Amino acid sequence: MNTVINTKNAPAPIGPYSQAILANGFLFLSGQVAINPENGELNLSSIGEETHQVMRNIKAVLLEAGYTFDHVVKTTIFLADMELFSAVNEVYGSYFSDTYPARETVAVKGLPKGVNVEISVTAYQG
């Protein structure tokens, strides 16, 4: 049985999807962008701050489901420009301990709302 996970501490979905779905110990988070859930505004002041907002949004959804970054097993990072890789990678890495999840990073032609970075994660608690 699948369980829908939604929290007011992360941006509400802007389409027909859930923030996350819990299925058999796996938590599948939809991609998060840098929308501040407190005011609904994009946080694009710098690529570092944009990435921190994305990671804070991911953390809020993880916590709502009873998970942490230690449970994350796979991530996908979407970048509007691969030149942003180093700055995003530095912030992203600060949210994990010694065991990093599997990951791919891809450059895409465009992202929702004109953001620079979107990150989705899969977590597992068995």
PDB file of N, CA and C in Angstrom:
ATOM      1  N   MET A   1       0.837  -1.185   0.000  1.00  0.00           N
ATOM      2  CA  MET A   1       0.000   0.000   0.000  1.00  0.00           C
ATOM      3  C   MET A   1       0.878   1.243   0.000  1.00  0.00           C
ATOM      4  N   ASN A   2       0.552   2.206  -0.811  1.00  0.00           N
ATOM      5  CA  ASN A   2       1.299   3.450  -0.901  1.00  0.00           C
ATOM      6  C   ASN A   2       0.677   4.504   0.000  1.00  0.00           C
ATOM      7  N   THR A   3       1.549   5.318   0.608  1.00  0.00           N
ATOM      8  CA  THR A   3       1.101   6.398   1.475  1.00  0.00           C
ATOM      9  C   THR A   3       1.593   7.717   0.908  1.00  0.00           C
ATOM     10  N   VAL A   4       0.695   8.666   0.766  1.00  0.00           N
ATOM     11  CA  VAL A   4       1.053   9.999   0.296  1.00  0.00           C
ATOM     12  C   VAL A   4       1.649  10.782   1.464  1.00  0.00           C
ATOM     13  N   ILE A   5       2.762  11.447   1.210  1.00  0.00           N
ATOM     14  CA  ILE A   5       3.411  12.294   2.209  1.00  0.00           C
ATOM     15  C   ILE A   5       3.354  13.732   1.710  1.00  0.00           C
ATOM     16  N   ASN A   6       2.794  14.608   2.504  1.00  0.00           N
ATOM     17  CA  ASN A   6       2.768  16.043   2.214  1.00  0.00           C
ATOM     18  C   ASN A   6       2.989  16.801   3.515  1.00  0.00           C
ATOM     19  N   THR A   7       3.698  17.909   3.438  1.00  0.00           N
ATOM     20  CA  THR A   7       3.928  18.759   4.597  1.00  0.00           C
ATOM     21  C   THR A   7       3.816  20.221   4.187  1.00  0.00           C
ATOM     22  N   LYS A   8       3.341  21.038   5.105  1.00  0.00           N
ATOM     23  CA  LYS A   8       3.291  22.489   4.851  1.00  0.00           C
ATOM     24  C   LYS A   8       4.668  23.125   4.993  1.00  0.00           C
ATOM     25  N   ASN A   9       5.662  22.350   5.459  1.00  0.00           N
ATOM     26  CA  ASN A   9       7.017  22.862   5.635  1.00  0.00           C
ATOM     27  C   ASN A   9       7.851  22.779   4.362  1.00  0.00           C
ATOM     28  N   ALA A  10       7.223  22.338   3.282  1.00  0.00           N
ATOM     29  CA  ALA A  10       7.853  22.320   1.958  1.00  0.00           C
ATOM     30  C   ALA A  10       6.820  22.866   0.976  1.00  0.00           C
ATOM     31  N   PRO A  11       7.261  23.330  -0.184  1.00  0.00           N
ATOM     32  CA  PRO A  11       6.307  23.899  -1.150  1.00  0.00           C
ATOM     33  C   PRO A  11       5.236  22.898  -1.564  1.00  0.00           C
ATOM     34  N   ALA A  12       4.020  23.390  -1.708  1.00  0.00           N
ATOM     35  CA  ALA A  12       2.924  22.554  -2.188  1.00  0.00           C
ATOM     36  C   ALA A  12       3.197  22.181  -3.646  1.00  0.00           C
ATOM     37  N   PRO A  13       2.786  20.998  -4.060  1.00  0.00           N
ATOM     38  CA  PRO A  13       2.954  20.610  -5.466  1.00  0.00           C
ATOM     39  C   PRO A  13       2.281  21.632  -6.397  1.00  0.00           C
ATOM     40  N   ILE A  14       2.918  21.872  -7.536  1.00  0.00           N
ATOM     41  CA  ILE A  14       2.366  22.824  -8.510  1.00  0.00           C
ATOM     42  C   ILE A  14       1.732  22.094  -9.693  1.00  0.00           C
ATOM     43  N   GLY A  15       1.437  20.828  -9.478  1.00  0.00           N
ATOM     44  CA  GLY A  15       0.826  20.013 -10.522  1.00  0.00           C
ATOM     45  C   GLY A  15       0.197  18.778  -9.905  1.00  0.00           C
ATOM     46  N   PRO A  16      -0.195  17.820 -10.740  1.00  0.00           N
ATOM     47  CA  PRO A  16      -0.851  16.617 -10.248  1.00  0.00           C
ATOM     48  C   PRO A  16       0.148  15.568  -9.742  1.00  0.00           C
ATOM     49  N   TYR A  17       0.784  15.869  -8.617  1.00  0.00           N
ATOM     50  CA  TYR A  17       1.735  14.942  -7.992  1.00  0.00           C
ATOM     51  C   TYR A  17       1.783  15.209  -6.495  1.00  0.00           C
ATOM     52  N   SER A  18       2.376  14.297  -5.764  1.00  0.00           N
ATOM     53  CA  SER A  18       2.553  14.424  -4.312  1.00  0.00           C
ATOM     54  C   SER A  18       3.985  14.819  -4.012  1.00  0.00           C
ATOM     55  N   GLN A  19       4.201  15.401  -2.838  1.00  0.00           N
ATOM     56  CA  GLN A  19       5.572  15.707  -2.438  1.00  0.00           C
ATOM     57  C   GLN A  19       6.392  14.434  -2.342  1.00  0.00           C
ATOM     58  N   ALA A  20       5.757  13.368  -1.843  1.00  0.00           N
ATOM     59  CA  ALA A  20       6.449  12.083  -1.740  1.00  0.00           C
ATOM     60  C   ALA A  20       5.431  10.959  -1.632  1.00  0.00           C
ATOM     61  N   ILE A  21       5.903   9.766  -1.969  1.00  0.00           N
ATOM     62  CA  ILE A  21       5.119   8.544  -1.818  1.00  0.00           C
ATOM     63  C   ILE A  21       5.970   7.539  -1.042  1.00  0.00           C
ATOM     64  N   LEU A  22       5.381   6.969   0.008  1.00  0.00           N
ATOM     65  CA  LEU A  22       6.027   5.931   0.800  1.00  0.00           C
ATOM     66  C   LEU A  22       5.479   4.582   0.345  1.00  0.00           C
ATOM     67  N   ALA A  23       6.375   3.667  -0.053  1.00  0.00           N
ATOM     68  CA  ALA A  23       5.967   2.350  -0.545  1.00  0.00           C
ATOM     69  C   ALA A  23       6.973   1.303  -0.079  1.00  0.00           C
ATOM     70  N   ASN A  24       6.529   0.412   0.791  1.00  0.00           N
ATOM     71  CA  ASN A  24       7.369  -0.707   1.253  1.00  0.00           C
ATOM     72  C   ASN A  24       8.736  -0.267   1.780  1.00  0.00           C
ATOM     73  N   GLY A  25       8.768   0.773   2.577  1.00  0.00           N
ATOM     74  CA  GLY A  25      10.020   1.256   3.157  1.00  0.00           C
ATOM     75  C   GLY A  25      10.778   2.229   2.285  1.00  0.00           C
ATOM     76  N   PHE A  26      10.397   2.336   1.019  1.00  0.00           N
ATOM     77  CA  PHE A  26      11.023   3.294   0.114  1.00  0.00           C
ATOM     78  C   PHE A  26      10.221   4.587   0.120  1.00  0.00           C
ATOM     79  N   LEU A  27      10.917   5.698   0.180  1.00  0.00           N
ATOM     80  CA  LEU A  27      10.293   7.014   0.113  1.00  0.00           C
ATOM     81  C   LEU A  27      10.791   7.694  -1.157  1.00  0.00           C
ATOM     82  N   PHE A  28       9.865   7.969  -2.059  1.00  0.00           N
ATOM     83  CA  PHE A  28      10.187   8.585  -3.342  1.00  0.00           C
ATOM     84  C   PHE A  28       9.757  10.041  -3.291  1.00  0.00           C
ATOM     85  N   LEU A  29      10.722  10.962  -3.249  1.00  0.00           N
ATOM     86  CA  LEU A  29      10.415  12.389  -3.207  1.00  0.00           C
ATOM     87  C   LEU A  29      10.406  12.972  -4.606  1.00  0.00           C
ATOM     88  N   SER A  30       9.376  13.738  -4.898  1.00  0.00           N
ATOM     89  CA  SER A  30       9.340  14.495  -6.139  1.00  0.00           C
ATOM     90  C   SER A  30      10.450  15.537  -6.108  1.00  0.00           C
ATOM     91  N   GLY A  31      10.842  15.993  -7.285  1.00  0.00           N
ATOM     92  CA  GLY A  31      11.881  17.006  -7.368  1.00  0.00           C
ATOM     93  C   GLY A  31      11.487  18.274  -6.620  1.00  0.00           C
ATOM     94  N   GLN A  32      12.452  18.826  -5.917  1.00  0.00           N
ATOM     95  CA  GLN A  32      12.240  20.065  -5.177  1.00  0.00           C
ATOM     96  C   GLN A  32      13.038  21.190  -5.829  1.00  0.00           C
ATOM     97  N   VAL A  33      12.428  22.354  -5.859  1.00  0.00           N
ATOM     98  CA  VAL A  33      13.095  23.572  -6.317  1.00  0.00           C
ATOM     99  C   VAL A  33      13.121  24.555  -5.150  1.00  0.00           C
ATOM    100  N   ALA A  34      13.704  25.716  -5.366  1.00  0.00           N
ATOM    101  CA  ALA A  34      13.973  26.666  -4.286  1.00  0.00           C
ATOM    102  C   ALA A  34      12.800  27.589  -3.983  1.00  0.00           C
ATOM    103  N   ILE A  35      11.641  27.009  -3.753  1.00  0.00           N
ATOM    104  CA  ILE A  35      10.500  27.804  -3.317  1.00  0.00           C
ATOM    105  C   ILE A  35      10.487  27.807  -1.788  1.00  0.00           C
ATOM    106  N   ASN A  36      10.451  28.984  -1.208  1.00  0.00           N
ATOM    107  CA  ASN A  36      10.360  29.109   0.239  1.00  0.00           C
ATOM    108  C   ASN A  36       8.916  28.809   0.635  1.00  0.00           C
ATOM    109  N   PRO A  37       8.679  27.758   1.435  1.00  0.00           N
ATOM    110  CA  PRO A  37       7.304  27.393   1.766  1.00  0.00           C
ATOM    111  C   PRO A  37       6.596  28.412   2.662  1.00  0.00           C
ATOM    112  N   GLU A  38       7.350  29.269   3.322  1.00  0.00           N
ATOM    113  CA  GLU A  38       6.743  30.267   4.208  1.00  0.00           C
ATOM    114  C   GLU A  38       6.038  31.373   3.440  1.00  0.00           C
ATOM    115  N   ASN A  39       6.586  31.725   2.268  1.00  0.00           N
ATOM    116  CA  ASN A  39       5.988  32.837   1.520  1.00  0.00           C
ATOM    117  C   ASN A  39       5.681  32.501   0.055  1.00  0.00           C
ATOM    118  N   GLY A  40       6.035  31.289  -0.384  1.00  0.00           N
ATOM    119  CA  GLY A  40       5.771  30.877  -1.754  1.00  0.00           C
ATOM    120  C   GLY A  40       6.669  31.513  -2.791  1.00  0.00           C
ATOM    121  N   GLU A  41       7.694  32.229  -2.343  1.00  0.00           N
ATOM    122  CA  GLU A  41       8.604  32.938  -3.254  1.00  0.00           C
ATOM    123  C   GLU A  41       9.815  32.078  -3.591  1.00  0.00           C
ATOM    124  N   LEU A  42      10.328  32.254  -4.798  1.00  0.00           N
ATOM    125  CA  LEU A  42      11.575  31.602  -5.177  1.00  0.00           C
ATOM    126  C   LEU A  42      12.736  32.237  -4.434  1.00  0.00           C
ATOM    127  N   ASN A  43      13.677  31.415  -4.011  1.00  0.00           N
ATOM    128  CA  ASN A  43      14.873  31.882  -3.322  1.00  0.00           C
ATOM    129  C   ASN A  43      16.048  31.699  -4.273  1.00  0.00           C
ATOM    130  N   LEU A  44      16.282  32.706  -5.111  1.00  0.00           N
ATOM    131  CA  LEU A  44      17.319  32.620  -6.142  1.00  0.00           C
ATOM    132  C   LEU A  44      18.428  33.650  -5.941  1.00  0.00           C
ATOM    133  N   SER A  45      18.657  34.064  -4.698  1.00  0.00           N
ATOM    134  CA  SER A  45      19.628  35.129  -4.436  1.00  0.00           C
ATOM    135  C   SER A  45      21.049  34.747  -4.841  1.00  0.00           C
ATOM    136  N   SER A  46      21.388  33.472  -4.742  1.00  0.00           N
ATOM    137  CA  SER A  46      22.674  32.948  -5.208  1.00  0.00           C
ATOM    138  C   SER A  46      22.486  31.458  -5.439  1.00  0.00           C
ATOM    139  N   ILE A  47      23.376  30.838  -6.206  1.00  0.00           N
ATOM    140  CA  ILE A  47      23.229  29.403  -6.442  1.00  0.00           C
ATOM    141  C   ILE A  47      23.415  28.634  -5.143  1.00  0.00           C
ATOM    142  N   GLY A  48      24.252  29.136  -4.245  1.00  0.00           N
ATOM    143  CA  GLY A  48      24.424  28.490  -2.946  1.00  0.00           C
ATOM    144  C   GLY A  48      23.142  28.533  -2.130  1.00  0.00           C
ATOM    145  N   GLU A  49      22.536  29.697  -2.039  1.00  0.00           N
ATOM    146  CA  GLU A  49      21.294  29.826  -1.275  1.00  0.00           C
ATOM    147  C   GLU A  49      20.151  29.080  -1.947  1.00  0.00           C
ATOM    148  N   GLU A  50      20.126  29.083  -3.267  1.00  0.00           N
ATOM    149  CA  GLU A  50      19.100  28.328  -3.992  1.00  0.00           C
ATOM    150  C   GLU A  50      19.201  26.837  -3.648  1.00  0.00           C
ATOM    151  N   THR A  51      20.422  26.326  -3.641  1.00  0.00           N
ATOM    152  CA  THR A  51      20.630  24.913  -3.325  1.00  0.00           C
ATOM    153  C   THR A  51      20.274  24.610  -1.877  1.00  0.00           C
ATOM    154  N   HIS A  52      20.648  25.505  -0.961  1.00  0.00           N
ATOM    155  CA  HIS A  52      20.261  25.310   0.451  1.00  0.00           C
ATOM    156  C   HIS A  52      18.740  25.241   0.584  1.00  0.00           C
ATOM    157  N   GLN A  53      18.008  26.096  -0.125  1.00  0.00           N
ATOM    158  CA  GLN A  53      16.542  26.076  -0.029  1.00  0.00           C
ATOM    159  C   GLN A  53      15.986  24.752  -0.551  1.00  0.00           C
ATOM    160  N   VAL A  54      16.548  24.266  -1.645  1.00  0.00           N
ATOM    161  CA  VAL A  54      16.131  22.964  -2.176  1.00  0.00           C
ATOM    162  C   VAL A  54      16.359  21.885  -1.126  1.00  0.00           C
ATOM    163  N   MET A  55      17.521  21.884  -0.508  1.00  0.00           N
ATOM    164  CA  MET A  55      17.848  20.856   0.485  1.00  0.00           C
ATOM    165  C   MET A  55      16.993  20.999   1.741  1.00  0.00           C
ATOM    166  N   ARG A  56      16.665  22.215   2.137  1.00  0.00           N
ATOM    167  CA  ARG A  56      15.756  22.405   3.280  1.00  0.00           C
ATOM    168  C   ARG A  56      14.370  21.854   2.953  1.00  0.00           C
ATOM    169  N   ASN A  57      13.923  22.046   1.730  1.00  0.00           N
ATOM    170  CA  ASN A  57      12.629  21.507   1.317  1.00  0.00           C
ATOM    171  C   ASN A  57      12.648  19.979   1.341  1.00  0.00           C
ATOM    172  N   ILE A  58      13.721  19.394   0.855  1.00  0.00           N
ATOM    173  CA  ILE A  58      13.862  17.936   0.883  1.00  0.00           C
ATOM    174  C   ILE A  58      13.853  17.448   2.330  1.00  0.00           C
ATOM    175  N   LYS A  59      14.597  18.116   3.191  1.00  0.00           N
ATOM    176  CA  LYS A  59      14.656  17.729   4.603  1.00  0.00           C
ATOM    177  C   LYS A  59      13.262  17.758   5.239  1.00  0.00           C
ATOM    178  N   ALA A  60      12.473  18.765   4.928  1.00  0.00           N
ATOM    179  CA  ALA A  60      11.124  18.880   5.510  1.00  0.00           C
ATOM    180  C   ALA A  60      10.251  17.696   5.107  1.00  0.00           C
ATOM    181  N   VAL A  61      10.337  17.276   3.851  1.00  0.00           N
ATOM    182  CA  VAL A  61       9.534  16.136   3.396  1.00  0.00           C
ATOM    183  C   VAL A  61      10.057  14.847   4.035  1.00  0.00           C
ATOM    184  N   LEU A  62      11.374  14.683   4.074  1.00  0.00           N
ATOM    185  CA  LEU A  62      11.946  13.509   4.731  1.00  0.00           C
ATOM    186  C   LEU A  62      11.465  13.410   6.179  1.00  0.00           C
ATOM    187  N   LEU A  63      11.557  14.523   6.922  1.00  0.00           N
ATOM    188  CA  LEU A  63      11.162  14.523   8.332  1.00  0.00           C
ATOM    189  C   LEU A  63       9.684  14.212   8.509  1.00  0.00           C
ATOM    190  N   GLU A  64       8.852  14.722   7.622  1.00  0.00           N
ATOM    191  CA  GLU A  64       7.410  14.444   7.696  1.00  0.00           C
ATOM    192  C   GLU A  64       7.140  12.935   7.634  1.00  0.00           C
ATOM    193  N   ALA A  65       7.970  12.225   6.876  1.00  0.00           N
ATOM    194  CA  ALA A  65       7.808  10.776   6.724  1.00  0.00           C
ATOM    195  C   ALA A  65       8.592   9.983   7.772  1.00  0.00           C
ATOM    196  N   GLY A  66       9.340  10.678   8.635  1.00  0.00           N
ATOM    197  CA  GLY A  66      10.142   9.990   9.641  1.00  0.00           C
ATOM    198  C   GLY A  66      11.491   9.518   9.126  1.00  0.00           C
ATOM    199  N   TYR A  67      11.991  10.162   8.094  1.00  0.00           N
ATOM    200  CA  TYR A  67      13.277   9.828   7.485  1.00  0.00           C
ATOM    201  C   TYR A  67      14.254  10.989   7.688  1.00  0.00           C
ATOM    202  N   THR A  68      15.533  10.722   7.430  1.00  0.00           N
ATOM    203  CA  THR A  68      16.573  11.751   7.475  1.00  0.00           C
ATOM    204  C   THR A  68      17.433  11.607   6.219  1.00  0.00           C
ATOM    205  N   PHE A  69      18.398  12.496   6.078  1.00  0.00           N
ATOM    206  CA  PHE A  69      19.327  12.383   4.948  1.00  0.00           C
ATOM    207  C   PHE A  69      20.136  11.087   5.023  1.00  0.00           C
ATOM    208  N   ASP A  70      20.292  10.516   6.224  1.00  0.00           N
ATOM    209  CA  ASP A  70      21.010   9.243   6.355  1.00  0.00           C
ATOM    210  C   ASP A  70      20.266   8.104   5.668  1.00  0.00           C
ATOM    211  N   HIS A  71      18.974   8.252   5.434  1.00  0.00           N
ATOM    212  CA  HIS A  71      18.180   7.219   4.766  1.00  0.00           C
ATOM    213  C   HIS A  71      18.178   7.362   3.233  1.00  0.00           C
ATOM    214  N   VAL A  72      18.722   8.448   2.721  1.00  0.00           N
ATOM    215  CA  VAL A  72      18.697   8.685   1.274  1.00  0.00           C
ATOM    216  C   VAL A  72      19.673   7.733   0.587  1.00  0.00           C
ATOM    217  N   VAL A  73      19.167   6.997  -0.402  1.00  0.00           N
ATOM    218  CA  VAL A  73      19.993   6.027  -1.127  1.00  0.00           C
ATOM    219  C   VAL A  73      20.290   6.452  -2.562  1.00  0.00           C
ATOM    220  N   LYS A  74      19.504   7.377  -3.102  1.00  0.00           N
ATOM    221  CA  LYS A  74      19.682   7.789  -4.504  1.00  0.00           C
ATOM    222  C   LYS A  74      19.181   9.207  -4.691  1.00  0.00           C
ATOM    223  N   THR A  75      19.920   9.999  -5.434  1.00  0.00           N
ATOM    224  CA  THR A  75      19.486  11.354  -5.770  1.00  0.00           C
ATOM    225  C   THR A  75      19.697  11.608  -7.260  1.00  0.00           C
ATOM    226  N   THR A  76      18.918  12.543  -7.756  1.00  0.00           N
ATOM    227  CA  THR A  76      19.126  13.051  -9.109  1.00  0.00           C
ATOM    228  C   THR A  76      19.143  14.565  -9.011  1.00  0.00           C
ATOM    229  N   ILE A  77      20.190  15.160  -9.545  1.00  0.00           N
ATOM    230  CA  ILE A  77      20.315  16.616  -9.572  1.00  0.00           C
ATOM    231  C   ILE A  77      20.170  17.067 -11.020  1.00  0.00           C
ATOM    232  N   PHE A  78      19.249  17.988 -11.226  1.00  0.00           N
ATOM    233  CA  PHE A  78      19.040  18.588 -12.537  1.00  0.00           C
ATOM    234  C   PHE A  78      19.567  20.017 -12.485  1.00  0.00           C
ATOM    235  N   LEU A  79      20.431  20.376 -13.413  1.00  0.00           N
ATOM    236  CA  LEU A  79      21.012  21.712 -13.462  1.00  0.00           C
ATOM    237  C   LEU A  79      20.659  22.398 -14.776  1.00  0.00           C
ATOM    238  N   ALA A  80      20.375  23.674 -14.693  1.00  0.00           N
ATOM    239  CA  ALA A  80      20.122  24.458 -15.897  1.00  0.00           C
ATOM    240  C   ALA A  80      21.418  24.723 -16.659  1.00  0.00           C
ATOM    241  N   ASP A  81      22.559  24.612 -15.964  1.00  0.00           N
ATOM    242  CA  ASP A  81      23.866  24.871 -16.569  1.00  0.00           C
ATOM    243  C   ASP A  81      24.908  24.070 -15.795  1.00  0.00           C
ATOM    244  N   MET A  82      25.673  23.233 -16.459  1.00  0.00           N
ATOM    245  CA  MET A  82      26.668  22.401 -15.791  1.00  0.00           C
ATOM    246  C   MET A  82      27.772  23.227 -15.136  1.00  0.00           C
ATOM    247  N   GLU A  83      27.891  24.496 -15.509  1.00  0.00           N
ATOM    248  CA  GLU A  83      28.849  25.390 -14.849  1.00  0.00           C
ATOM    249  C   GLU A  83      28.520  25.568 -13.366  1.00  0.00           C
ATOM    250  N   LEU A  84      27.295  25.264 -12.974  1.00  0.00           N
ATOM    251  CA  LEU A  84      26.861  25.404 -11.581  1.00  0.00           C
ATOM    252  C   LEU A  84      27.229  24.194 -10.730  1.00  0.00           C
ATOM    253  N   PHE A  85      27.773  23.164 -11.349  1.00  0.00           N
ATOM    254  CA  PHE A  85      28.014  21.894 -10.679  1.00  0.00           C
ATOM    255  C   PHE A  85      28.795  22.042  -9.378  1.00  0.00           C
ATOM    256  N   SER A  86      29.925  22.716  -9.402  1.00  0.00           N
ATOM    257  CA  SER A  86      30.782  22.815  -8.207  1.00  0.00           C
ATOM    258  C   SER A  86      30.072  23.479  -7.044  1.00  0.00           C
ATOM    259  N   ALA A  87      29.402  24.580  -7.307  1.00  0.00           N
ATOM    260  CA  ALA A  87      28.716  25.307  -6.231  1.00  0.00           C
ATOM    261  C   ALA A  87      27.570  24.479  -5.656  1.00  0.00           C
ATOM    262  N   VAL A  88      26.797  23.828  -6.514  1.00  0.00           N
ATOM    263  CA  VAL A  88      25.692  22.983  -6.053  1.00  0.00           C
ATOM    264  C   VAL A  88      26.248  21.791  -5.290  1.00  0.00           C
ATOM    265  N   ASN A  89      27.276  21.167  -5.811  1.00  0.00           N
ATOM    266  CA  ASN A  89      27.875  19.989  -5.195  1.00  0.00           C
ATOM    267  C   ASN A  89      28.384  20.286  -3.786  1.00  0.00           C
ATOM    268  N   GLU A  90      28.980  21.457  -3.598  1.00  0.00           N
ATOM    269  CA  GLU A  90      29.503  21.836  -2.284  1.00  0.00           C
ATOM    270  C   GLU A  90      28.377  21.917  -1.253  1.00  0.00           C
ATOM    271  N   VAL A  91      27.293  22.593  -1.595  1.00  0.00           N
ATOM    272  CA  VAL A  91      26.158  22.714  -0.669  1.00  0.00           C
ATOM    273  C   VAL A  91      25.502  21.356  -0.462  1.00  0.00           C
ATOM    274  N   TYR A  92      25.212  20.659  -1.544  1.00  0.00           N
ATOM    275  CA  TYR A  92      24.578  19.337  -1.488  1.00  0.00           C
ATOM    276  C   TYR A  92      25.336  18.406  -0.548  1.00  0.00           C
ATOM    277  N   GLY A  93      26.636  18.332  -0.717  1.00  0.00           N
ATOM    278  CA  GLY A  93      27.471  17.432   0.081  1.00  0.00           C
ATOM    279  C   GLY A  93      27.429  17.718   1.567  1.00  0.00           C
ATOM    280  N   SER A  94      27.170  18.961   1.941  1.00  0.00           N
ATOM    281  CA  SER A  94      27.157  19.332   3.363  1.00  0.00           C
ATOM    282  C   SER A  94      25.953  18.759   4.109  1.00  0.00           C
ATOM    283  N   TYR A  95      24.974  18.226   3.399  1.00  0.00           N
ATOM    284  CA  TYR A  95      23.774  17.671   4.030  1.00  0.00           C
ATOM    285  C   TYR A  95      23.893  16.175   4.313  1.00  0.00           C
ATOM    286  N   PHE A  96      24.991  15.554   3.905  1.00  0.00           N
ATOM    287  CA  PHE A  96      25.174  14.122   4.083  1.00  0.00           C
ATOM    288  C   PHE A  96      26.389  13.855   4.954  1.00  0.00           C
ATOM    289  N   SER A  97      26.368  12.690   5.640  1.00  0.00           N
ATOM    290  CA  SER A  97      27.523  12.280   6.432  1.00  0.00           C
ATOM    291  C   SER A  97      28.472  11.486   5.546  1.00  0.00           C
ATOM    292  N   ASP A  98      29.212  10.579   6.108  1.00  0.00           N
ATOM    293  CA  ASP A  98      30.243   9.849   5.364  1.00  0.00           C
ATOM    294  C   ASP A  98      29.704   8.935   4.273  1.00  0.00           C
ATOM    295  N   THR A  99      28.498   8.457   4.426  1.00  0.00           N
ATOM    296  CA  THR A  99      27.923   7.561   3.424  1.00  0.00           C
ATOM    297  C   THR A  99      27.042   8.372   2.483  1.00  0.00           C
ATOM    298  N   TYR A 100      27.561   8.628   1.303  1.00  0.00           N
ATOM    299  CA  TYR A 100      26.826   9.424   0.324  1.00  0.00           C
ATOM    300  C   TYR A 100      25.941   8.514  -0.521  1.00  0.00           C
ATOM    301  N   PRO A 101      24.778   9.004  -0.928  1.00  0.00           N
ATOM    302  CA  PRO A 101      23.896   8.186  -1.780  1.00  0.00           C
ATOM    303  C   PRO A 101      24.432   8.087  -3.206  1.00  0.00           C
ATOM    304  N   ALA A 102      23.912   7.124  -3.941  1.00  0.00           N
ATOM    305  CA  ALA A 102      24.182   7.067  -5.373  1.00  0.00           C
ATOM    306  C   ALA A 102      23.558   8.313  -6.001  1.00  0.00           C
ATOM    307  N   ARG A 103      24.119   8.764  -7.128  1.00  0.00           N
ATOM    308  CA  ARG A 103      23.626  10.013  -7.696  1.00  0.00           C
ATOM    309  C   ARG A 103      23.997  10.135  -9.152  1.00  0.00           C
ATOM    310  N   GLU A 104      23.160  10.869  -9.875  1.00  0.00           N
ATOM    311  CA  GLU A 104      23.558  11.376 -11.181  1.00  0.00           C
ATOM    312  C   GLU A 104      23.212  12.857 -11.214  1.00  0.00           C
ATOM    313  N   THR A 105      23.968  13.574 -12.019  1.00  0.00           N
ATOM    314  CA  THR A 105      23.724  14.998 -12.218  1.00  0.00           C
ATOM    315  C   THR A 105      23.626  15.228 -13.712  1.00  0.00           C
ATOM    316  N   VAL A 106      22.541  15.873 -14.124  1.00  0.00           N
ATOM    317  CA  VAL A 106      22.341  16.104 -15.549  1.00  0.00           C
ATOM    318  C   VAL A 106      22.017  17.569 -15.806  1.00  0.00           C
ATOM    319  N   ALA A 107      22.503  18.064 -16.924  1.00  0.00           N
ATOM    320  CA  ALA A 107      22.143  19.405 -17.373  1.00  0.00           C
ATOM    321  C   ALA A 107      20.908  19.279 -18.258  1.00  0.00           C
ATOM    322  N   VAL A 108      19.973  20.169 -18.063  1.00  0.00           N
ATOM    323  CA  VAL A 108      18.726  20.145 -18.822  1.00  0.00           C
ATOM    324  C   VAL A 108      18.509  21.494 -19.496  1.00  0.00           C
ATOM    325  N   LYS A 109      17.659  21.511 -20.469  1.00  0.00           N
ATOM    326  CA  LYS A 109      17.401  22.749 -21.208  1.00  0.00           C
ATOM    327  C   LYS A 109      16.664  23.781 -20.365  1.00  0.00           C
ATOM    328  N   GLY A 110      15.778  23.338 -19.493  1.00  0.00           N
ATOM    329  CA  GLY A 110      15.024  24.259 -18.655  1.00  0.00           C
ATOM    330  C   GLY A 110      14.427  23.534 -17.472  1.00  0.00           C
ATOM    331  N   LEU A 111      14.146  24.285 -16.423  1.00  0.00           N
ATOM    332  CA  LEU A 111      13.539  23.745 -15.207  1.00  0.00           C
ATOM    333  C   LEU A 111      12.311  24.572 -14.849  1.00  0.00           C
ATOM    334  N   PRO A 112      11.404  24.005 -14.036  1.00  0.00           N
ATOM    335  CA  PRO A 112      10.190  24.746 -13.662  1.00  0.00           C
ATOM    336  C   PRO A 112      10.510  26.110 -13.054  1.00  0.00           C
ATOM    337  N   LYS A 113       9.711  27.087 -13.411  1.00  0.00           N
ATOM    338  CA  LYS A 113       9.806  28.444 -12.877  1.00  0.00           C
ATOM    339  C   LYS A 113      11.153  29.122 -13.140  1.00  0.00           C
ATOM    340  N   GLY A 114      11.925  28.587 -14.085  1.00  0.00           N
ATOM    341  CA  GLY A 114      13.196  29.199 -14.442  1.00  0.00           C
ATOM    342  C   GLY A 114      14.294  29.033 -13.401  1.00  0.00           C
ATOM    343  N   VAL A 115      14.171  28.043 -12.514  1.00  0.00           N
ATOM    344  CA  VAL A 115      15.187  27.828 -11.488  1.00  0.00           C
ATOM    345  C   VAL A 115      16.449  27.233 -12.097  1.00  0.00           C
ATOM    346  N   ASN A 116      17.513  27.215 -11.298  1.00  0.00           N
ATOM    347  CA  ASN A 116      18.797  26.693 -11.750  1.00  0.00           C
ATOM    348  C   ASN A 116      19.043  25.253 -11.348  1.00  0.00           C
ATOM    349  N   VAL A 117      18.361  24.795 -10.285  1.00  0.00           N
ATOM    350  CA  VAL A 117      18.606  23.450  -9.766  1.00  0.00           C
ATOM    351  C   VAL A 117      17.304  22.837  -9.258  1.00  0.00           C
ATOM    352  N   GLU A 118      17.151  21.546  -9.524  1.00  0.00           N
ATOM    353  CA  GLU A 118      16.054  20.744  -8.977  1.00  0.00           C
ATOM    354  C   GLU A 118      16.663  19.420  -8.539  1.00  0.00           C
ATOM    355  N   ILE A 119      16.254  18.933  -7.374  1.00  0.00           N
ATOM    356  CA  ILE A 119      16.804  17.685  -6.841  1.00  0.00           C
ATOM    357  C   ILE A 119      15.664  16.785  -6.402  1.00  0.00           C
ATOM    358  N   SER A 120      15.735  15.511  -6.813  1.00  0.00           N
ATOM    359  CA  SER A 120      14.808  14.500  -6.333  1.00  0.00           C
ATOM    360  C   SER A 120      15.606  13.436  -5.579  1.00  0.00           C
ATOM    361  N   VAL A 121      14.958  12.772  -4.626  1.00  0.00           N
ATOM    362  CA  VAL A 121      15.658  11.758  -3.846  1.00  0.00           C
ATOM    363  C   VAL A 121      14.768  10.540  -3.622  1.00  0.00           C
ATOM    364  N   THR A 122      15.439   9.417  -3.395  1.00  0.00           N
ATOM    365  CA  THR A 122      14.801   8.193  -2.937  1.00  0.00           C
ATOM    366  C   THR A 122      15.473   7.799  -1.639  1.00  0.00           C
ATOM    367  N   ALA A 123      14.668   7.496  -0.632  1.00  0.00           N
ATOM    368  CA  ALA A 123      15.200   7.084   0.664  1.00  0.00           C
ATOM    369  C   ALA A 123      14.644   5.711   1.006  1.00  0.00           C
ATOM    370  N   TYR A 124      15.334   5.014   1.890  1.00  0.00           N
ATOM    371  CA  TYR A 124      14.875   3.684   2.293  1.00  0.00           C
ATOM    372  C   TYR A 124      15.088   3.488   3.787  1.00  0.00           C
ATOM    373  N   GLN A 125      14.092   2.891   4.393  1.00  0.00           N
ATOM    374  CA  GLN A 125      14.158   2.526   5.799  1.00  0.00           C
ATOM    375  C   GLN A 125      13.634   1.114   5.901  1.00  0.00           C
ATOM    376  N   GLY A 126      14.529   0.153   6.126  1.00  0.00           N
ATOM    377  CA  GLY A 126      14.095  -1.242   6.118  1.00  0.00           C
ATOM    378  C   GLY A 126      14.232  -1.912   7.455  1.00  0.00           C
TER     379      GLY A 126
END
